[in-house]
Amino acid sequence: MREKLPCVYLMASGRNGTLYAGLTSDLAQRAWQHREGLVEGFTQKHGCKLLVWFERHDTMESAILREKQIKAGNRKKKLALIEADNPTWRDLYPDIAQG
């Protein structure tokens, strides 16, 4: 059984493409839903299917604060988060789907 931890994440339509910031307690399931186009709205409309960045948190409260901080930030700050940990914009979903 996968460990469920609060996570803040960024989905992208492609390298330097459209970005979406989200929050979940089950990252593997939520990323899969985005990939399959099952989440209606922004990510489905813009094709944000690549998990390019995520950050685990010990509590949902800290994750909510971090998500708000990221969403309030500009695109340049979001790109810097991705580039720092994932400079090739590799889809991280296969890494977490195993767990």
PDB file of N, CA and C in Angstrom:
ATOM      1  N   MET A   1       0.834  -1.189   0.000  1.00  0.00           N
ATOM      2  CA  MET A   1       0.000   0.000   0.000  1.00  0.00           C
ATOM      3  C   MET A   1       0.877   1.251   0.000  1.00  0.00           C
ATOM      4  N   ARG A   2       0.501   2.201  -0.856  1.00  0.00           N
ATOM      5  CA  ARG A   2       1.263   3.440  -0.950  1.00  0.00           C
ATOM      6  C   ARG A   2       1.066   4.279   0.301  1.00  0.00           C
ATOM      7  N   GLU A   3       2.140   4.943   0.672  1.00  0.00           N
ATOM      8  CA  GLU A   3       2.056   5.882   1.793  1.00  0.00           C
ATOM      9  C   GLU A   3       1.370   7.153   1.307  1.00  0.00           C
ATOM     10  N   LYS A   4       0.426   7.638   2.075  1.00  0.00           N
ATOM     11  CA  LYS A   4      -0.279   8.862   1.700  1.00  0.00           C
ATOM     12  C   LYS A   4       0.219  10.002   2.568  1.00  0.00           C
ATOM     13  N   LEU A   5       0.781  10.993   1.910  1.00  0.00           N
ATOM     14  CA  LEU A   5       1.284  12.181   2.583  1.00  0.00           C
ATOM     15  C   LEU A   5       0.797  13.405   1.824  1.00  0.00           C
ATOM     16  N   PRO A   6       0.502  14.483   2.528  1.00  0.00           N
ATOM     17  CA  PRO A   6       0.139  15.712   1.828  1.00  0.00           C
ATOM     18  C   PRO A   6       1.273  16.139   0.898  1.00  0.00           C
ATOM     19  N   CYS A   7       0.921  16.483  -0.317  1.00  0.00           N
ATOM     20  CA  CYS A   7       1.909  16.920  -1.309  1.00  0.00           C
ATOM     21  C   CYS A   7       1.380  18.126  -2.068  1.00  0.00           C
ATOM     22  N   VAL A   8       2.286  19.022  -2.359  1.00  0.00           N
ATOM     23  CA  VAL A   8       2.037  20.111  -3.287  1.00  0.00           C
ATOM     24  C   VAL A   8       2.756  19.704  -4.558  1.00  0.00           C
ATOM     25  N   TYR A   9       2.132  19.957  -5.706  1.00  0.00           N
ATOM     26  CA  TYR A   9       2.733  19.479  -6.949  1.00  0.00           C
ATOM     27  C   TYR A   9       2.499  20.454  -8.089  1.00  0.00           C
ATOM     28  N   LEU A  10       3.317  20.312  -9.130  1.00  0.00           N
ATOM     29  CA  LEU A  10       3.147  21.079 -10.361  1.00  0.00           C
ATOM     30  C   LEU A  10       3.009  20.102 -11.521  1.00  0.00           C
ATOM     31  N   MET A  11       1.959  20.298 -12.302  1.00  0.00           N
ATOM     32  CA  MET A  11       1.756  19.561 -13.539  1.00  0.00           C
ATOM     33  C   MET A  11       2.059  20.527 -14.680  1.00  0.00           C
ATOM     34  N   ALA A  12       2.535  19.991 -15.806  1.00  0.00           N
ATOM     35  CA  ALA A  12       2.846  20.834 -16.958  1.00  0.00           C
ATOM     36  C   ALA A  12       2.346  20.185 -18.233  1.00  0.00           C
ATOM     37  N   SER A  13       2.081  21.019 -19.227  1.00  0.00           N
ATOM     38  CA  SER A  13       1.668  20.506 -20.537  1.00  0.00           C
ATOM     39  C   SER A  13       2.886  20.073 -21.349  1.00  0.00           C
ATOM     40  N   GLY A  14       4.056  20.512 -20.946  1.00  0.00           N
ATOM     41  CA  GLY A  14       5.307  20.199 -21.628  1.00  0.00           C
ATOM     42  C   GLY A  14       6.380  21.117 -21.081  1.00  0.00           C
ATOM     43  N   ARG A  15       7.588  20.949 -21.569  1.00  0.00           N
ATOM     44  CA  ARG A  15       8.674  21.798 -21.083  1.00  0.00           C
ATOM     45  C   ARG A  15       8.346  23.261 -21.354  1.00  0.00           C
ATOM     46  N   ASN A  16       8.413  24.074 -20.312  1.00  0.00           N
ATOM     47  CA  ASN A  16       8.071  25.501 -20.399  1.00  0.00           C
ATOM     48  C   ASN A  16       6.646  25.747 -20.872  1.00  0.00           C
ATOM     49  N   GLY A  17       5.770  24.751 -20.684  1.00  0.00           N
ATOM     50  CA  GLY A  17       4.381  24.881 -21.104  1.00  0.00           C
ATOM     51  C   GLY A  17       3.508  25.441 -20.000  1.00  0.00           C
ATOM     52  N   THR A  18       2.223  25.174 -20.124  1.00  0.00           N
ATOM     53  CA  THR A  18       1.249  25.611 -19.134  1.00  0.00           C
ATOM     54  C   THR A  18       1.480  24.853 -17.830  1.00  0.00           C
ATOM     55  N   LEU A  19       1.393  25.561 -16.711  1.00  0.00           N
ATOM     56  CA  LEU A  19       1.631  24.961 -15.395  1.00  0.00           C
ATOM     57  C   LEU A  19       0.368  24.982 -14.548  1.00  0.00           C
ATOM     58  N   TYR A  20       0.245  23.962 -13.717  1.00  0.00           N
ATOM     59  CA  TYR A  20      -0.860  23.891 -12.753  1.00  0.00           C
ATOM     60  C   TYR A  20      -0.294  23.475 -11.408  1.00  0.00           C
ATOM     61  N   ALA A  21      -0.626  24.221 -10.365  1.00  0.00           N
ATOM     62  CA  ALA A  21      -0.213  23.877  -8.998  1.00  0.00           C
ATOM     63  C   ALA A  21      -1.394  23.260  -8.278  1.00  0.00           C
ATOM     64  N   GLY A  22      -1.137  22.147  -7.584  1.00  0.00           N
ATOM     65  CA  GLY A  22      -2.202  21.467  -6.874  1.00  0.00           C
ATOM     66  C   GLY A  22      -1.748  20.924  -5.534  1.00  0.00           C
ATOM     67  N   LEU A  23      -2.706  20.331  -4.835  1.00  0.00           N
ATOM     68  CA  LEU A  23      -2.493  19.804  -3.491  1.00  0.00           C
ATOM     69  C   LEU A  23      -3.284  18.507  -3.375  1.00  0.00           C
ATOM     70  N   THR A  24      -2.682  17.488  -2.764  1.00  0.00           N
ATOM     71  CA  THR A  24      -3.363  16.207  -2.609  1.00  0.00           C
ATOM     72  C   THR A  24      -2.765  15.425  -1.447  1.00  0.00           C
ATOM     73  N   SER A  25      -3.508  14.441  -0.982  1.00  0.00           N
ATOM     74  CA  SER A  25      -2.960  13.528   0.023  1.00  0.00           C
ATOM     75  C   SER A  25      -2.548  12.206  -0.605  1.00  0.00           C
ATOM     76  N   ASP A  26      -2.828  12.031  -1.906  1.00  0.00           N
ATOM     77  CA  ASP A  26      -2.434  10.818  -2.632  1.00  0.00           C
ATOM     78  C   ASP A  26      -1.894  11.226  -3.999  1.00  0.00           C
ATOM     79  N   LEU A  27      -0.606  11.538  -4.032  1.00  0.00           N
ATOM     80  CA  LEU A  27       0.006  12.098  -5.243  1.00  0.00           C
ATOM     81  C   LEU A  27      -0.067  11.144  -6.427  1.00  0.00           C
ATOM     82  N   ALA A  28       0.202   9.872  -6.216  1.00  0.00           N
ATOM     83  CA  ALA A  28       0.185   8.930  -7.339  1.00  0.00           C
ATOM     84  C   ALA A  28      -1.200   8.882  -7.986  1.00  0.00           C
ATOM     85  N   GLN A  29      -2.230   8.804  -7.172  1.00  0.00           N
ATOM     86  CA  GLN A  29      -3.588   8.741  -7.721  1.00  0.00           C
ATOM     87  C   GLN A  29      -3.967  10.043  -8.419  1.00  0.00           C
ATOM     88  N   ARG A  30      -3.643  11.170  -7.788  1.00  0.00           N
ATOM     89  CA  ARG A  30      -4.019  12.454  -8.372  1.00  0.00           C
ATOM     90  C   ARG A  30      -3.276  12.711  -9.677  1.00  0.00           C
ATOM     91  N   ALA A  31      -1.984  12.404  -9.724  1.00  0.00           N
ATOM     92  CA  ALA A  31      -1.211  12.589 -10.957  1.00  0.00           C
ATOM     93  C   ALA A  31      -1.768  11.696 -12.061  1.00  0.00           C
ATOM     94  N   TRP A  32      -2.149  10.472 -11.719  1.00  0.00           N
ATOM     95  CA  TRP A  32      -2.736   9.561 -12.699  1.00  0.00           C
ATOM     96  C   TRP A  32      -4.042  10.149 -13.249  1.00  0.00           C
ATOM     97  N   GLN A  33      -4.864  10.717 -12.365  1.00  0.00           N
ATOM     98  CA  GLN A  33      -6.118  11.328 -12.804  1.00  0.00           C
ATOM     99  C   GLN A  33      -5.857  12.470 -13.780  1.00  0.00           C
ATOM    100  N   HIS A  34      -4.855  13.291 -13.506  1.00  0.00           N
ATOM    101  CA  HIS A  34      -4.501  14.374 -14.432  1.00  0.00           C
ATOM    102  C   HIS A  34      -4.021  13.797 -15.762  1.00  0.00           C
ATOM    103  N   ARG A  35      -3.166  12.795 -15.706  1.00  0.00           N
ATOM    104  CA  ARG A  35      -2.614  12.181 -16.924  1.00  0.00           C
ATOM    105  C   ARG A  35      -3.704  11.604 -17.819  1.00  0.00           C
ATOM    106  N   GLU A  36      -4.709  11.001 -17.190  1.00  0.00           N
ATOM    107  CA  GLU A  36      -5.791  10.361 -17.940  1.00  0.00           C
ATOM    108  C   GLU A  36      -6.884  11.350 -18.359  1.00  0.00           C
ATOM    109  N   GLY A  37      -6.733  12.616 -17.983  1.00  0.00           N
ATOM    110  CA  GLY A  37      -7.728  13.622 -18.344  1.00  0.00           C
ATOM    111  C   GLY A  37      -9.024  13.496 -17.555  1.00  0.00           C
ATOM    112  N   LEU A  38      -8.948  12.904 -16.358  1.00  0.00           N
ATOM    113  CA  LEU A  38     -10.140  12.677 -15.547  1.00  0.00           C
ATOM    114  C   LEU A  38     -10.498  13.863 -14.653  1.00  0.00           C
ATOM    115  N   VAL A  39      -9.592  14.823 -14.537  1.00  0.00           N
ATOM    116  CA  VAL A  39      -9.841  15.991 -13.702  1.00  0.00           C
ATOM    117  C   VAL A  39     -10.349  17.107 -14.618  1.00  0.00           C
ATOM    118  N   GLU A  40     -11.647  17.361 -14.531  1.00  0.00           N
ATOM    119  CA  GLU A  40     -12.229  18.388 -15.391  1.00  0.00           C
ATOM    120  C   GLU A  40     -11.722  19.766 -14.986  1.00  0.00           C
ATOM    121  N   GLY A  41     -11.649  20.630 -15.964  1.00  0.00           N
ATOM    122  CA  GLY A  41     -11.236  21.996 -15.683  1.00  0.00           C
ATOM    123  C   GLY A  41      -9.908  22.340 -16.327  1.00  0.00           C
ATOM    124  N   PHE A  42      -9.115  23.111 -15.600  1.00  0.00           N
ATOM    125  CA  PHE A  42      -7.888  23.704 -16.136  1.00  0.00           C
ATOM    126  C   PHE A  42      -6.919  22.676 -16.712  1.00  0.00           C
ATOM    127  N   THR A  43      -6.583  21.647 -15.934  1.00  0.00           N
ATOM    128  CA  THR A  43      -5.554  20.705 -16.405  1.00  0.00           C
ATOM    129  C   THR A  43      -6.023  19.933 -17.624  1.00  0.00           C
ATOM    130  N   GLN A  44      -7.300  19.589 -17.661  1.00  0.00           N
ATOM    131  CA  GLN A  44      -7.841  18.872 -18.817  1.00  0.00           C
ATOM    132  C   GLN A  44      -7.821  19.781 -20.054  1.00  0.00           C
ATOM    133  N   LYS A  45      -8.285  21.016 -19.878  1.00  0.00           N
ATOM    134  CA  LYS A  45      -8.354  21.978 -20.987  1.00  0.00           C
ATOM    135  C   LYS A  45      -6.978  22.290 -21.565  1.00  0.00           C
ATOM    136  N   HIS A  46      -5.977  22.383 -20.683  1.00  0.00           N
ATOM    137  CA  HIS A  46      -4.635  22.794 -21.125  1.00  0.00           C
ATOM    138  C   HIS A  46      -3.656  21.629 -21.294  1.00  0.00           C
ATOM    139  N   GLY A  47      -4.115  20.413 -21.091  1.00  0.00           N
ATOM    140  CA  GLY A  47      -3.258  19.245 -21.315  1.00  0.00           C
ATOM    141  C   GLY A  47      -2.102  19.119 -20.342  1.00  0.00           C
ATOM    142  N   CYS A  48      -2.310  19.510 -19.101  1.00  0.00           N
ATOM    143  CA  CYS A  48      -1.260  19.409 -18.087  1.00  0.00           C
ATOM    144  C   CYS A  48      -1.220  17.973 -17.573  1.00  0.00           C
ATOM    145  N   LYS A  49      -0.381  17.147 -18.201  1.00  0.00           N
ATOM    146  CA  LYS A  49      -0.337  15.722 -17.885  1.00  0.00           C
ATOM    147  C   LYS A  49       0.994  15.249 -17.317  1.00  0.00           C
ATOM    148  N   LEU A  50       1.969  16.131 -17.262  1.00  0.00           N
ATOM    149  CA  LEU A  50       3.297  15.754 -16.775  1.00  0.00           C
ATOM    150  C   LEU A  50       3.494  16.245 -15.340  1.00  0.00           C
ATOM    151  N   LEU A  51       3.826  15.330 -14.450  1.00  0.00           N
ATOM    152  CA  LEU A  51       4.175  15.703 -13.080  1.00  0.00           C
ATOM    153  C   LEU A  51       5.648  16.115 -13.100  1.00  0.00           C
ATOM    154  N   VAL A  52       5.910  17.415 -12.941  1.00  0.00           N
ATOM    155  CA  VAL A  52       7.283  17.903 -13.092  1.00  0.00           C
ATOM    156  C   VAL A  52       7.932  18.342 -11.783  1.00  0.00           C
ATOM    157  N   TRP A  53       7.132  18.463 -10.716  1.00  0.00           N
ATOM    158  CA  TRP A  53       7.681  18.864  -9.417  1.00  0.00           C
ATOM    159  C   TRP A  53       6.692  18.491  -8.328  1.00  0.00           C
ATOM    160  N   PHE A  54       7.205  18.073  -7.179  1.00  0.00           N
ATOM    161  CA  PHE A  54       6.346  17.880  -6.013  1.00  0.00           C
ATOM    162  C   PHE A  54       7.161  18.027  -4.743  1.00  0.00           C
ATOM    163  N   GLU A  55       6.427  18.290  -3.672  1.00  0.00           N
ATOM    164  CA  GLU A  55       7.041  18.497  -2.369  1.00  0.00           C
ATOM    165  C   GLU A  55       6.121  17.853  -1.331  1.00  0.00           C
ATOM    166  N   ARG A  56       6.670  16.935  -0.544  1.00  0.00           N
ATOM    167  CA  ARG A  56       5.882  16.269   0.498  1.00  0.00           C
ATOM    168  C   ARG A  56       5.891  17.102   1.775  1.00  0.00           C
ATOM    169  N   HIS A  57       4.789  17.004   2.511  1.00  0.00           N
ATOM    170  CA  HIS A  57       4.655  17.738   3.773  1.00  0.00           C
ATOM    171  C   HIS A  57       4.192  16.790   4.865  1.00  0.00           C
ATOM    172  N   ASP A  58       4.538  17.120   6.100  1.00  0.00           N
ATOM    173  CA  ASP A  58       4.126  16.301   7.242  1.00  0.00           C
ATOM    174  C   ASP A  58       2.669  16.518   7.609  1.00  0.00           C
ATOM    175  N   THR A  59       2.174  17.724   7.347  1.00  0.00           N
ATOM    176  CA  THR A  59       0.783  18.022   7.692  1.00  0.00           C
ATOM    177  C   THR A  59       0.071  18.665   6.507  1.00  0.00           C
ATOM    178  N   MET A  60      -1.247  18.491   6.470  1.00  0.00           N
ATOM    179  CA  MET A  60      -2.041  19.124   5.419  1.00  0.00           C
ATOM    180  C   MET A  60      -1.988  20.642   5.567  1.00  0.00           C
ATOM    181  N   GLU A  61      -1.908  21.121   6.793  1.00  0.00           N
ATOM    182  CA  GLU A  61      -1.846  22.568   7.028  1.00  0.00           C
ATOM    183  C   GLU A  61      -0.616  23.195   6.377  1.00  0.00           C
ATOM    184  N   SER A  62       0.537  22.551   6.535  1.00  0.00           N
ATOM    185  CA  SER A  62       1.752  23.106   5.924  1.00  0.00           C
ATOM    186  C   SER A  62       1.683  23.003   4.401  1.00  0.00           C
ATOM    187  N   ALA A  63       1.068  21.939   3.901  1.00  0.00           N
ATOM    188  CA  ALA A  63       0.922  21.792   2.450  1.00  0.00           C
ATOM    189  C   ALA A  63      -0.002  22.872   1.884  1.00  0.00           C
ATOM    190  N   ILE A  64      -1.084  23.160   2.583  1.00  0.00           N
ATOM    191  CA  ILE A  64      -2.016  24.205   2.130  1.00  0.00           C
ATOM    192  C   ILE A  64      -1.317  25.563   2.080  1.00  0.00           C
ATOM    193  N   LEU A  65      -0.539  25.876   3.113  1.00  0.00           N
ATOM    194  CA  LEU A  65       0.194  27.146   3.125  1.00  0.00           C
ATOM    195  C   LEU A  65       1.175  27.222   1.963  1.00  0.00           C
ATOM    196  N   ARG A  66       1.872  26.114   1.702  1.00  0.00           N
ATOM    197  CA  ARG A  66       2.852  26.093   0.605  1.00  0.00           C
ATOM    198  C   ARG A  66       2.165  26.223  -0.750  1.00  0.00           C
ATOM    199  N   GLU A  67       1.029  25.542  -0.922  1.00  0.00           N
ATOM    200  CA  GLU A  67       0.301  25.654  -2.200  1.00  0.00           C
ATOM    201  C   GLU A  67      -0.128  27.098  -2.438  1.00  0.00           C
ATOM    202  N   LYS A  68      -0.632  27.745  -1.401  1.00  0.00           N
ATOM    203  CA  LYS A  68      -1.047  29.148  -1.538  1.00  0.00           C
ATOM    204  C   LYS A  68       0.136  30.032  -1.913  1.00  0.00           C
ATOM    205  N   GLN A  69       1.297  29.755  -1.288  1.00  0.00           N
ATOM    206  CA  GLN A  69       2.507  30.526  -1.587  1.00  0.00           C
ATOM    207  C   GLN A  69       2.908  30.338  -3.050  1.00  0.00           C
ATOM    208  N   ILE A  70       2.872  29.106  -3.526  1.00  0.00           N
ATOM    209  CA  ILE A  70       3.261  28.828  -4.910  1.00  0.00           C
ATOM    210  C   ILE A  70       2.274  29.454  -5.887  1.00  0.00           C
ATOM    211  N   LYS A  71       0.985  29.300  -5.617  1.00  0.00           N
ATOM    212  CA  LYS A  71      -0.024  29.876  -6.517  1.00  0.00           C
ATOM    213  C   LYS A  71       0.049  31.398  -6.546  1.00  0.00           C
ATOM    214  N   ALA A  72       0.455  32.015  -5.436  1.00  0.00           N
ATOM    215  CA  ALA A  72       0.576  33.470  -5.386  1.00  0.00           C
ATOM    216  C   ALA A  72       1.835  33.959  -6.103  1.00  0.00           C
ATOM    217  N   GLY A  73       2.797  33.073  -6.289  1.00  0.00           N
ATOM    218  CA  GLY A  73       4.048  33.439  -6.946  1.00  0.00           C
ATOM    219  C   GLY A  73       3.879  33.555  -8.455  1.00  0.00           C
ATOM    220  N   ASN A  74       4.842  34.174  -9.065  1.00  0.00           N
ATOM    221  CA  ASN A  74       4.763  34.328 -10.515  1.00  0.00           C
ATOM    222  C   ASN A  74       5.321  33.088 -11.231  1.00  0.00           C
ATOM    223  N   ARG A  75       5.174  33.088 -12.525  1.00  0.00           N
ATOM    224  CA  ARG A  75       5.621  31.954 -13.345  1.00  0.00           C
ATOM    225  C   ARG A  75       7.122  31.710 -13.185  1.00  0.00           C
ATOM    226  N   LYS A  76       7.893  32.777 -13.108  1.00  0.00           N
ATOM    227  CA  LYS A  76       9.345  32.650 -12.982  1.00  0.00           C
ATOM    228  C   LYS A  76       9.716  31.841 -11.732  1.00  0.00           C
ATOM    229  N   LYS A  77       9.007  32.058 -10.626  1.00  0.00           N
ATOM    230  CA  LYS A  77       9.280  31.320  -9.391  1.00  0.00           C
ATOM    231  C   LYS A  77       8.906  29.844  -9.543  1.00  0.00           C
ATOM    232  N   LYS A  78       7.810  29.568 -10.239  1.00  0.00           N
ATOM    233  CA  LYS A  78       7.408  28.174 -10.465  1.00  0.00           C
ATOM    234  C   LYS A  78       8.438  27.466 -11.348  1.00  0.00           C
ATOM    235  N   LEU A  79       8.898  28.151 -12.381  1.00  0.00           N
ATOM    236  CA  LEU A  79       9.916  27.565 -13.260  1.00  0.00           C
ATOM    237  C   LEU A  79      11.196  27.283 -12.477  1.00  0.00           C
ATOM    238  N   ALA A  80      11.552  28.177 -11.559  1.00  0.00           N
ATOM    239  CA  ALA A  80      12.767  27.983 -10.755  1.00  0.00           C
ATOM    240  C   ALA A  80      12.636  26.742  -9.867  1.00  0.00           C
ATOM    241  N   LEU A  81      11.446  26.506  -9.312  1.00  0.00           N
ATOM    242  CA  LEU A  81      11.233  25.295  -8.501  1.00  0.00           C
ATOM    243  C   LEU A  81      11.477  24.041  -9.345  1.00  0.00           C
ATOM    244  N   ILE A  82      10.894  24.034 -10.527  1.00  0.00           N
ATOM    245  CA  ILE A  82      11.034  22.866 -11.410  1.00  0.00           C
ATOM    246  C   ILE A  82      12.493  22.688 -11.821  1.00  0.00           C
ATOM    247  N   GLU A  83      13.098  23.751 -12.300  1.00  0.00           N
ATOM    248  CA  GLU A  83      14.469  23.677 -12.819  1.00  0.00           C
ATOM    249  C   GLU A  83      15.472  23.256 -11.747  1.00  0.00           C
ATOM    250  N   ALA A  84      15.228  23.626 -10.489  1.00  0.00           N
ATOM    251  CA  ALA A  84      16.160  23.283  -9.408  1.00  0.00           C
ATOM    252  C   ALA A  84      16.208  21.771  -9.173  1.00  0.00           C
ATOM    253  N   ASP A  85      15.052  21.114  -9.226  1.00  0.00           N
ATOM    254  CA  ASP A  85      14.989  19.678  -8.936  1.00  0.00           C
ATOM    255  C   ASP A  85      14.875  18.794 -10.168  1.00  0.00           C
ATOM    256  N   ASN A  86      14.399  19.362 -11.269  1.00  0.00           N
ATOM    257  CA  ASN A  86      14.093  18.563 -12.451  1.00  0.00           C
ATOM    258  C   ASN A  86      14.424  19.363 -13.716  1.00  0.00           C
ATOM    259  N   PRO A  87      15.710  19.650 -13.935  1.00  0.00           N
ATOM    260  CA  PRO A  87      16.095  20.540 -15.044  1.00  0.00           C
ATOM    261  C   PRO A  87      15.729  20.011 -16.427  1.00  0.00           C
ATOM    262  N   THR A  88      15.518  18.715 -16.562  1.00  0.00           N
ATOM    263  CA  THR A  88      15.136  18.166 -17.873  1.00  0.00           C
ATOM    264  C   THR A  88      13.624  18.073 -18.055  1.00  0.00           C
ATOM    265  N   TRP A  89      12.860  18.465 -17.021  1.00  0.00           N
ATOM    266  CA  TRP A  89      11.396  18.418 -17.051  1.00  0.00           C
ATOM    267  C   TRP A  89      10.903  16.995 -17.281  1.00  0.00           C
ATOM    268  N   ARG A  90      11.617  16.031 -16.717  1.00  0.00           N
ATOM    269  CA  ARG A  90      11.221  14.631 -16.835  1.00  0.00           C
ATOM    270  C   ARG A  90       9.901  14.417 -16.107  1.00  0.00           C
ATOM    271  N   ASP A  91       9.048  13.578 -16.661  1.00  0.00           N
ATOM    272  CA  ASP A  91       7.792  13.240 -16.004  1.00  0.00           C
ATOM    273  C   ASP A  91       8.119  12.375 -14.783  1.00  0.00           C
ATOM    274  N   LEU A  92       7.782  12.833 -13.589  1.00  0.00           N
ATOM    275  CA  LEU A  92       8.115  12.142 -12.351  1.00  0.00           C
ATOM    276  C   LEU A  92       7.070  11.079 -11.965  1.00  0.00           C
ATOM    277  N   TYR A  93       5.987  11.001 -12.714  1.00  0.00           N
ATOM    278  CA  TYR A  93       4.928  10.068 -12.365  1.00  0.00           C
ATOM    279  C   TYR A  93       5.429   8.618 -12.259  1.00  0.00           C
ATOM    280  N   PRO A  94       6.224   8.118 -13.222  1.00  0.00           N
ATOM    281  CA  PRO A  94       6.690   6.717 -13.092  1.00  0.00           C
ATOM    282  C   PRO A  94       7.439   6.450 -11.787  1.00  0.00           C
ATOM    283  N   ASP A  95       8.143   7.438 -11.259  1.00  0.00           N
ATOM    284  CA  ASP A  95       8.882   7.269 -10.007  1.00  0.00           C
ATOM    285  C   ASP A  95       7.944   7.044  -8.823  1.00  0.00           C
ATOM    286  N   ILE A  96       6.839   7.777  -8.791  1.00  0.00           N
ATOM    287  CA  ILE A  96       5.942   7.667  -7.642  1.00  0.00           C
ATOM    288  C   ILE A  96       4.886   6.581  -7.829  1.00  0.00           C
ATOM    289  N   ALA A  97       4.610   6.197  -9.056  1.00  0.00           N
ATOM    290  CA  ALA A  97       3.577   5.196  -9.329  1.00  0.00           C
ATOM    291  C   ALA A  97       3.983   3.826  -8.802  1.00  0.00           C
ATOM    292  N   GLN A  98       5.290   3.572  -8.690  1.00  0.00           N
ATOM    293  CA  GLN A  98       5.795   2.293  -8.219  1.00  0.00           C
ATOM    294  C   GLN A  98       5.477   2.079  -6.755  1.00  0.00           C
ATOM    295  N   GLY A  99       5.595   3.205  -5.975  1.00  0.00           N
ATOM    296  CA  GLY A  99       5.496   3.140  -4.541  1.00  0.00           C
ATOM    297  C   GLY A  99       4.185   2.676  -4.040  1.00  0.00           C
TER     298      GLY A  99
END
